[in-house]
Amino acid sequence: MTFPDHIRTFLREEKWTFAKTMQEWPHEYLVRERVDAVLFEAMVNHIREHGFEGRFYSKPITYFAEGGIIYWTMGAPIPDTIIINRCKEEESYENRLKNGTLPKETIPNKNKQNKTVDSTATRITSPASSLRSGQEPRHGQP
């Protein structure tokens, strides 16, 4: 399954924003309020209906791959989804895990403590928060 033409045109013509606060996970994103809401929601529906389940560390994510690019959202209900992310397939978690190229990553957990996962993705520690003040909120992970 591929994106329908109207969604392919939408994703090609929109200006994607590089997620500069997550340089260790190069990806871009679209924000619902900055684009056509109907096309945004159509793309979210397509990703969810025709995508595949993958992981970002232990978090399940529905991904959709086309043309060497992977697209995803963070799984909120569709009316609450405000971000669509994309990255090159080689930058995805699964590919980086397989190739041994995972960066050290700080992931906030539900208890508001941060966990640092080493590049082998097998050891988790709980250091002091490494998030710097003034950062943009994290938009998603590949």
N, C-alpha and C. Protein backbone atom coordinates (compact mmCIF):
# COMPACT_ATOMS: atom_id res chain seq x y z
N MET A 1 0.85 -1.18 0.00
CA MET A 1 0.00 0.00 0.00
C MET A 1 0.89 1.24 0.00
N THR A 2 0.57 2.21 -0.82
CA THR A 2 1.29 3.48 -0.87
C THR A 2 0.33 4.60 -0.48
N PHE A 3 0.91 5.78 -0.24
CA PHE A 3 0.06 6.93 0.03
C PHE A 3 -0.78 7.23 -1.21
N PRO A 4 -2.04 7.60 -1.02
CA PRO A 4 -2.83 8.07 -2.17
C PRO A 4 -2.20 9.38 -2.70
N ASP A 5 -2.49 9.69 -3.95
CA ASP A 5 -1.88 10.85 -4.60
C ASP A 5 -2.08 12.14 -3.81
N HIS A 6 -3.29 12.38 -3.27
CA HIS A 6 -3.53 13.65 -2.57
C HIS A 6 -2.68 13.76 -1.30
N ILE A 7 -2.42 12.65 -0.62
CA ILE A 7 -1.56 12.69 0.56
C ILE A 7 -0.10 12.83 0.14
N ARG A 8 0.30 12.13 -0.91
CA ARG A 8 1.67 12.24 -1.41
C ARG A 8 1.98 13.69 -1.81
N THR A 9 1.02 14.35 -2.47
CA THR A 9 1.20 15.76 -2.83
C THR A 9 1.31 16.62 -1.58
N PHE A 10 0.46 16.38 -0.60
CA PHE A 10 0.48 17.10 0.68
C PHE A 10 1.84 16.97 1.36
N LEU A 11 2.35 15.75 1.51
CA LEU A 11 3.60 15.57 2.22
C LEU A 11 4.78 16.12 1.44
N ARG A 12 4.70 16.14 0.13
CA ARG A 12 5.76 16.68 -0.71
C ARG A 12 5.77 18.21 -0.70
N GLU A 13 4.59 18.84 -0.65
CA GLU A 13 4.50 20.29 -0.77
C GLU A 13 4.59 21.04 0.56
N GLU A 14 4.33 20.37 1.66
CA GLU A 14 4.40 21.04 2.96
C GLU A 14 5.85 21.27 3.37
N LYS A 15 6.06 22.30 4.17
CA LYS A 15 7.39 22.58 4.71
C LYS A 15 7.53 21.82 6.03
N TRP A 16 8.39 20.83 6.05
CA TRP A 16 8.65 20.03 7.23
C TRP A 16 9.70 20.75 8.08
N THR A 17 9.60 20.63 9.39
CA THR A 17 10.51 21.28 10.33
C THR A 17 11.47 20.24 10.89
N PHE A 18 12.78 20.54 10.84
CA PHE A 18 13.76 19.65 11.44
C PHE A 18 13.64 19.73 12.96
N ALA A 19 13.63 18.58 13.62
CA ALA A 19 13.50 18.52 15.08
C ALA A 19 14.86 18.78 15.71
N LYS A 20 15.19 20.06 15.88
CA LYS A 20 16.53 20.44 16.32
C LYS A 20 16.82 20.06 17.77
N THR A 21 15.80 19.82 18.58
CA THR A 21 16.04 19.41 19.97
C THR A 21 16.35 17.92 20.08
N MET A 22 16.25 17.20 18.98
CA MET A 22 16.54 15.76 19.00
C MET A 22 17.53 15.42 17.91
N GLN A 23 18.66 16.10 17.89
CA GLN A 23 19.65 15.90 16.84
C GLN A 23 20.22 14.49 16.82
N GLU A 24 20.16 13.79 17.97
CA GLU A 24 20.64 12.40 18.00
C GLU A 24 19.67 11.46 17.27
N TRP A 25 18.45 11.95 16.99
CA TRP A 25 17.44 11.21 16.23
C TRP A 25 16.96 12.12 15.10
N PRO A 26 17.73 12.25 14.03
CA PRO A 26 17.35 13.17 12.95
C PRO A 26 15.99 12.83 12.35
N HIS A 27 15.08 13.79 12.44
CA HIS A 27 13.77 13.63 11.83
C HIS A 27 13.14 15.00 11.66
N GLU A 28 12.05 15.02 10.91
CA GLU A 28 11.29 16.23 10.66
C GLU A 28 9.86 16.00 11.10
N TYR A 29 9.10 17.10 11.22
CA TYR A 29 7.71 16.97 11.65
C TYR A 29 6.84 18.05 11.02
N LEU A 30 5.54 17.75 10.99
CA LEU A 30 4.50 18.72 10.63
C LEU A 30 3.63 18.93 11.85
N VAL A 31 3.12 20.15 12.01
CA VAL A 31 2.21 20.48 13.11
C VAL A 31 0.82 20.72 12.52
N ARG A 32 -0.17 20.06 13.06
CA ARG A 32 -1.54 20.13 12.55
C ARG A 32 -2.00 21.56 12.33
N GLU A 33 -1.79 22.45 13.29
CA GLU A 33 -2.33 23.81 13.19
C GLU A 33 -1.66 24.65 12.11
N ARG A 34 -0.56 24.16 11.53
CA ARG A 34 0.16 24.91 10.50
C ARG A 34 -0.12 24.42 9.08
N VAL A 35 -0.93 23.36 8.97
CA VAL A 35 -1.18 22.75 7.66
C VAL A 35 -2.68 22.53 7.47
N ASP A 36 -3.06 22.05 6.31
CA ASP A 36 -4.45 21.72 6.03
C ASP A 36 -4.90 20.60 6.97
N ALA A 37 -5.86 20.88 7.84
CA ALA A 37 -6.29 19.93 8.87
C ALA A 37 -6.91 18.67 8.27
N VAL A 38 -7.63 18.79 7.17
CA VAL A 38 -8.26 17.63 6.55
C VAL A 38 -7.19 16.69 5.99
N LEU A 39 -6.20 17.24 5.30
CA LEU A 39 -5.12 16.41 4.75
C LEU A 39 -4.24 15.83 5.86
N PHE A 40 -4.01 16.61 6.90
CA PHE A 40 -3.24 16.12 8.05
C PHE A 40 -3.93 14.88 8.63
N GLU A 41 -5.23 15.00 8.88
CA GLU A 41 -5.95 13.88 9.46
C GLU A 41 -6.02 12.69 8.51
N ALA A 42 -6.14 12.94 7.21
CA ALA A 42 -6.13 11.85 6.23
C ALA A 42 -4.80 11.10 6.27
N MET A 43 -3.71 11.85 6.44
CA MET A 43 -2.40 11.21 6.52
C MET A 43 -2.26 10.40 7.80
N VAL A 44 -2.72 10.95 8.93
CA VAL A 44 -2.69 10.20 10.20
C VAL A 44 -3.49 8.91 10.06
N ASN A 45 -4.69 9.00 9.50
CA ASN A 45 -5.52 7.80 9.30
C ASN A 45 -4.79 6.78 8.42
N HIS A 46 -4.16 7.24 7.36
CA HIS A 46 -3.47 6.31 6.46
C HIS A 46 -2.32 5.62 7.19
N ILE A 47 -1.53 6.36 7.94
CA ILE A 47 -0.43 5.77 8.71
C ILE A 47 -0.97 4.71 9.65
N ARG A 48 -2.03 5.03 10.36
CA ARG A 48 -2.58 4.10 11.36
C ARG A 48 -3.24 2.88 10.72
N GLU A 49 -3.92 3.07 9.60
CA GLU A 49 -4.64 1.95 8.96
C GLU A 49 -3.74 1.05 8.13
N HIS A 50 -2.68 1.60 7.54
CA HIS A 50 -1.87 0.82 6.60
C HIS A 50 -0.42 0.66 7.06
N GLY A 51 -0.12 1.15 8.25
CA GLY A 51 1.24 1.06 8.75
C GLY A 51 1.53 -0.28 9.39
N PHE A 52 2.69 -0.37 9.99
CA PHE A 52 3.14 -1.60 10.66
C PHE A 52 3.59 -1.22 12.07
N GLU A 53 3.47 -2.18 12.97
CA GLU A 53 3.90 -1.92 14.35
C GLU A 53 5.39 -2.09 14.46
N GLY A 54 6.02 -1.10 15.04
CA GLY A 54 7.44 -1.14 15.34
C GLY A 54 7.63 -0.66 16.77
N ARG A 55 8.86 -0.39 17.12
CA ARG A 55 9.17 0.05 18.47
C ARG A 55 10.14 1.22 18.43
N PHE A 56 10.07 2.02 19.47
CA PHE A 56 11.12 2.97 19.80
C PHE A 56 11.47 2.63 21.23
N TYR A 57 12.60 1.92 21.41
CA TYR A 57 12.94 1.29 22.66
C TYR A 57 11.76 0.40 23.05
N SER A 58 11.08 0.64 24.15
CA SER A 58 9.98 -0.25 24.53
C SER A 58 8.61 0.27 24.09
N LYS A 59 8.56 1.47 23.51
CA LYS A 59 7.27 2.07 23.13
C LYS A 59 6.82 1.56 21.76
N PRO A 60 5.62 0.97 21.70
CA PRO A 60 5.11 0.56 20.38
C PRO A 60 4.67 1.80 19.58
N ILE A 61 5.02 1.80 18.32
CA ILE A 61 4.70 2.91 17.41
C ILE A 61 4.18 2.31 16.11
N THR A 62 3.16 2.93 15.51
CA THR A 62 2.73 2.52 14.17
C THR A 62 3.46 3.38 13.16
N TYR A 63 4.24 2.72 12.30
CA TYR A 63 5.03 3.38 11.27
C TYR A 63 4.43 3.09 9.90
N PHE A 64 4.68 3.99 8.96
CA PHE A 64 4.34 3.76 7.55
C PHE A 64 5.57 4.14 6.74
N ALA A 65 6.03 3.23 5.89
CA ALA A 65 7.24 3.47 5.10
C ALA A 65 6.90 3.59 3.62
N GLU A 66 7.49 4.59 2.99
CA GLU A 66 7.34 4.76 1.54
C GLU A 66 8.53 5.56 1.03
N GLY A 67 9.12 5.09 -0.05
CA GLY A 67 10.19 5.82 -0.71
C GLY A 67 11.42 6.07 0.15
N GLY A 68 11.75 5.14 1.06
CA GLY A 68 12.93 5.30 1.90
C GLY A 68 12.70 6.21 3.11
N ILE A 69 11.46 6.62 3.33
CA ILE A 69 11.10 7.50 4.45
C ILE A 69 10.09 6.77 5.32
N ILE A 70 10.23 6.93 6.64
CA ILE A 70 9.29 6.36 7.60
C ILE A 70 8.52 7.51 8.24
N TYR A 71 7.20 7.34 8.32
CA TYR A 71 6.29 8.34 8.91
C TYR A 71 5.63 7.72 10.13
N TRP A 72 5.36 8.56 11.15
CA TRP A 72 4.69 8.06 12.35
C TRP A 72 4.10 9.22 13.16
N THR A 73 3.20 8.85 14.06
CA THR A 73 2.69 9.76 15.07
C THR A 73 3.00 9.10 16.41
N MET A 74 2.65 9.76 17.49
CA MET A 74 2.96 9.21 18.81
C MET A 74 1.82 8.39 19.40
N GLY A 75 0.74 8.20 18.66
CA GLY A 75 -0.31 7.28 19.08
C GLY A 75 -1.47 7.88 19.84
N ALA A 76 -1.51 9.19 19.99
CA ALA A 76 -2.66 9.82 20.66
C ALA A 76 -3.91 9.58 19.81
N PRO A 77 -5.09 9.67 20.40
CA PRO A 77 -6.29 9.57 19.57
C PRO A 77 -6.21 10.60 18.42
N ILE A 78 -6.79 10.25 17.29
CA ILE A 78 -6.64 11.08 16.09
C ILE A 78 -7.02 12.54 16.33
N PRO A 79 -8.12 12.86 17.02
CA PRO A 79 -8.43 14.29 17.24
C PRO A 79 -7.36 15.01 18.08
N ASP A 80 -6.60 14.25 18.88
CA ASP A 80 -5.58 14.84 19.74
C ASP A 80 -4.18 14.78 19.13
N THR A 81 -4.04 14.16 17.98
CA THR A 81 -2.73 14.06 17.32
C THR A 81 -2.40 15.40 16.69
N ILE A 82 -1.26 15.97 17.10
CA ILE A 82 -0.88 17.29 16.58
C ILE A 82 0.41 17.27 15.77
N ILE A 83 1.12 16.13 15.77
CA ILE A 83 2.41 16.04 15.08
C ILE A 83 2.44 14.79 14.21
N ILE A 84 2.95 14.94 12.99
CA ILE A 84 3.35 13.80 12.14
C ILE A 84 4.85 13.92 11.98
N ASN A 85 5.57 12.82 12.22
CA ASN A 85 7.03 12.78 12.12
C ASN A 85 7.44 11.99 10.89
N ARG A 86 8.67 12.24 10.42
CA ARG A 86 9.25 11.41 9.37
C ARG A 86 10.77 11.42 9.51
N CYS A 87 11.39 10.32 9.05
CA CYS A 87 12.85 10.24 9.00
C CYS A 87 13.23 9.29 7.88
N LYS A 88 14.51 9.30 7.53
CA LYS A 88 15.02 8.32 6.57
C LYS A 88 14.97 6.94 7.23
N GLU A 89 14.69 5.91 6.43
CA GLU A 89 14.60 4.56 7.00
C GLU A 89 15.85 4.17 7.76
N GLU A 90 17.03 4.57 7.26
CA GLU A 90 18.27 4.17 7.94
C GLU A 90 18.42 4.83 9.31
N GLU A 91 17.64 5.89 9.59
CA GLU A 91 17.70 6.56 10.88
C GLU A 91 16.65 6.03 11.87
N SER A 92 15.86 5.02 11.47
CA SER A 92 14.83 4.49 12.35
C SER A 92 15.46 3.70 13.50
N TYR A 93 14.71 3.58 14.58
CA TYR A 93 15.18 2.83 15.74
C TYR A 93 15.57 1.41 15.35
N GLU A 94 14.68 0.71 14.63
CA GLU A 94 14.97 -0.69 14.29
C GLU A 94 16.26 -0.83 13.48
N ASN A 95 16.46 0.06 12.50
CA ASN A 95 17.68 -0.01 11.69
C ASN A 95 18.91 0.33 12.51
N ARG A 96 18.80 1.33 13.37
CA ARG A 96 19.95 1.70 14.19
C ARG A 96 20.24 0.62 15.24
N LEU A 97 19.22 -0.03 15.77
CA LEU A 97 19.43 -1.13 16.69
C LEU A 97 20.16 -2.27 15.98
N LYS A 98 19.66 -2.62 14.80
CA LYS A 98 20.25 -3.71 14.01
C LYS A 98 21.71 -3.41 13.64
N ASN A 99 22.01 -2.15 13.35
CA ASN A 99 23.35 -1.76 12.92
C ASN A 99 24.27 -1.35 14.06
N GLY A 100 23.75 -1.38 15.30
CA GLY A 100 24.57 -1.01 16.45
C GLY A 100 24.91 0.46 16.51
N THR A 101 24.02 1.31 16.00
CA THR A 101 24.31 2.75 15.95
C THR A 101 23.34 3.57 16.81
N LEU A 102 22.75 2.96 17.84
CA LEU A 102 21.85 3.71 18.72
C LEU A 102 22.65 4.73 19.53
N PRO A 103 22.14 5.94 19.64
CA PRO A 103 22.80 6.92 20.51
C PRO A 103 22.38 6.70 21.95
N LYS A 104 23.13 7.32 22.87
CA LYS A 104 22.61 7.36 24.24
C LYS A 104 21.42 8.28 24.18
N GLU A 105 20.33 7.91 24.82
CA GLU A 105 19.08 8.65 24.71
C GLU A 105 18.46 8.82 26.08
N THR A 106 18.04 10.01 26.40
CA THR A 106 17.30 10.24 27.63
C THR A 106 15.83 10.27 27.28
N ILE A 107 15.06 9.41 27.93
CA ILE A 107 13.64 9.28 27.66
C ILE A 107 12.88 9.57 28.94
N PRO A 108 12.04 10.62 28.99
CA PRO A 108 11.24 10.84 30.19
C PRO A 108 10.25 9.68 30.38
N ASN A 109 10.14 9.19 31.60
CA ASN A 109 9.14 8.14 31.83
C ASN A 109 7.92 8.73 32.51
N LYS A 110 6.92 7.91 32.74
CA LYS A 110 5.65 8.39 33.28
C LYS A 110 5.77 8.91 34.71
N ASN A 111 6.83 8.51 35.43
CA ASN A 111 7.02 8.98 36.80
C ASN A 111 7.82 10.27 36.85
N LYS A 112 8.03 10.90 35.70
CA LYS A 112 8.75 12.16 35.56
C LYS A 112 10.21 12.04 35.98
N GLN A 113 10.75 10.83 36.00
CA GLN A 113 12.18 10.62 36.18
C GLN A 113 12.71 10.32 34.79
N ASN A 114 13.93 10.69 34.56
CA ASN A 114 14.50 10.41 33.25
C ASN A 114 15.30 9.12 33.31
N LYS A 115 15.28 8.39 32.23
CA LYS A 115 16.06 7.16 32.14
C LYS A 115 17.00 7.31 30.96
N THR A 116 18.26 6.99 31.16
CA THR A 116 19.21 7.00 30.07
C THR A 116 19.40 5.57 29.61
N VAL A 117 19.23 5.35 28.33
CA VAL A 117 19.38 4.02 27.76
C VAL A 117 20.67 4.01 26.98
N ASP A 118 21.58 3.07 27.31
CA ASP A 118 22.84 3.07 26.59
C ASP A 118 22.66 2.53 25.18
N SER A 119 23.69 2.64 24.36
CA SER A 119 23.56 2.32 22.94
C SER A 119 23.30 0.85 22.68
N THR A 120 23.47 -0.01 23.67
CA THR A 120 23.13 -1.41 23.46
C THR A 120 21.67 -1.67 23.75
N ALA A 121 20.99 -0.68 24.30
CA ALA A 121 19.56 -0.75 24.63
C ALA A 121 19.26 -1.89 25.61
N THR A 122 20.25 -2.25 26.43
CA THR A 122 20.02 -3.31 27.39
C THR A 122 20.13 -2.84 28.83
N ARG A 123 20.74 -1.70 29.06
CA ARG A 123 20.95 -1.23 30.42
C ARG A 123 20.28 0.12 30.59
N ILE A 124 19.45 0.27 31.61
CA ILE A 124 18.76 1.53 31.85
C ILE A 124 19.20 2.05 33.21
N THR A 125 19.59 3.33 33.26
CA THR A 125 19.95 3.96 34.52
C THR A 125 19.07 5.17 34.72
N SER A 126 19.06 5.71 35.93
CA SER A 126 18.23 6.89 36.22
C SER A 126 19.11 8.04 36.70
N PRO A 127 19.67 8.84 35.79
CA PRO A 127 20.50 9.97 36.18
C PRO A 127 19.64 11.19 36.49
N ALA A 128 20.28 12.23 36.94
CA ALA A 128 19.57 13.51 37.09
C ALA A 128 19.10 13.93 35.72
N SER A 129 18.08 14.72 35.68
CA SER A 129 17.49 15.13 34.41
C SER A 129 18.54 15.74 33.51
N SER A 130 18.58 15.30 32.25
CA SER A 130 19.53 15.87 31.30
C SER A 130 18.85 16.84 30.35
N LEU A 131 17.55 17.05 30.53
CA LEU A 131 16.86 18.01 29.67
C LEU A 131 17.28 19.41 30.08
N ARG A 132 17.68 20.20 29.12
CA ARG A 132 18.10 21.57 29.39
C ARG A 132 16.88 22.48 29.38
N SER A 133 16.89 23.47 30.24
CA SER A 133 15.77 24.41 30.25
C SER A 133 15.76 25.17 28.94
N GLY A 134 14.59 25.54 28.50
CA GLY A 134 14.45 26.29 27.28
C GLY A 134 14.32 25.44 26.03
N GLN A 135 14.38 24.12 26.17
CA GLN A 135 14.23 23.26 25.00
C GLN A 135 12.78 23.22 24.56
N GLU A 136 12.60 22.99 23.26
CA GLU A 136 11.26 22.72 22.75
C GLU A 136 10.82 21.37 23.27
N PRO A 137 9.53 21.12 23.35
CA PRO A 137 9.09 19.77 23.72
C PRO A 137 9.54 18.77 22.66
N ARG A 138 9.81 17.56 23.07
CA ARG A 138 10.21 16.54 22.10
C ARG A 138 9.01 16.14 21.26
N HIS A 139 9.22 16.06 19.96
CA HIS A 139 8.13 15.83 19.03
C HIS A 139 7.88 14.36 18.73
N GLY A 140 8.84 13.53 18.91
CA GLY A 140 8.63 12.13 18.61
C GLY A 140 9.94 11.45 18.35
N GLN A 141 9.91 10.14 18.28
CA GLN A 141 11.12 9.38 18.08
C GLN A 141 10.96 8.49 16.88
N PRO A 142 12.05 8.35 16.12
CA PRO A 142 11.99 7.44 14.98
C PRO A 142 12.09 6.00 15.39
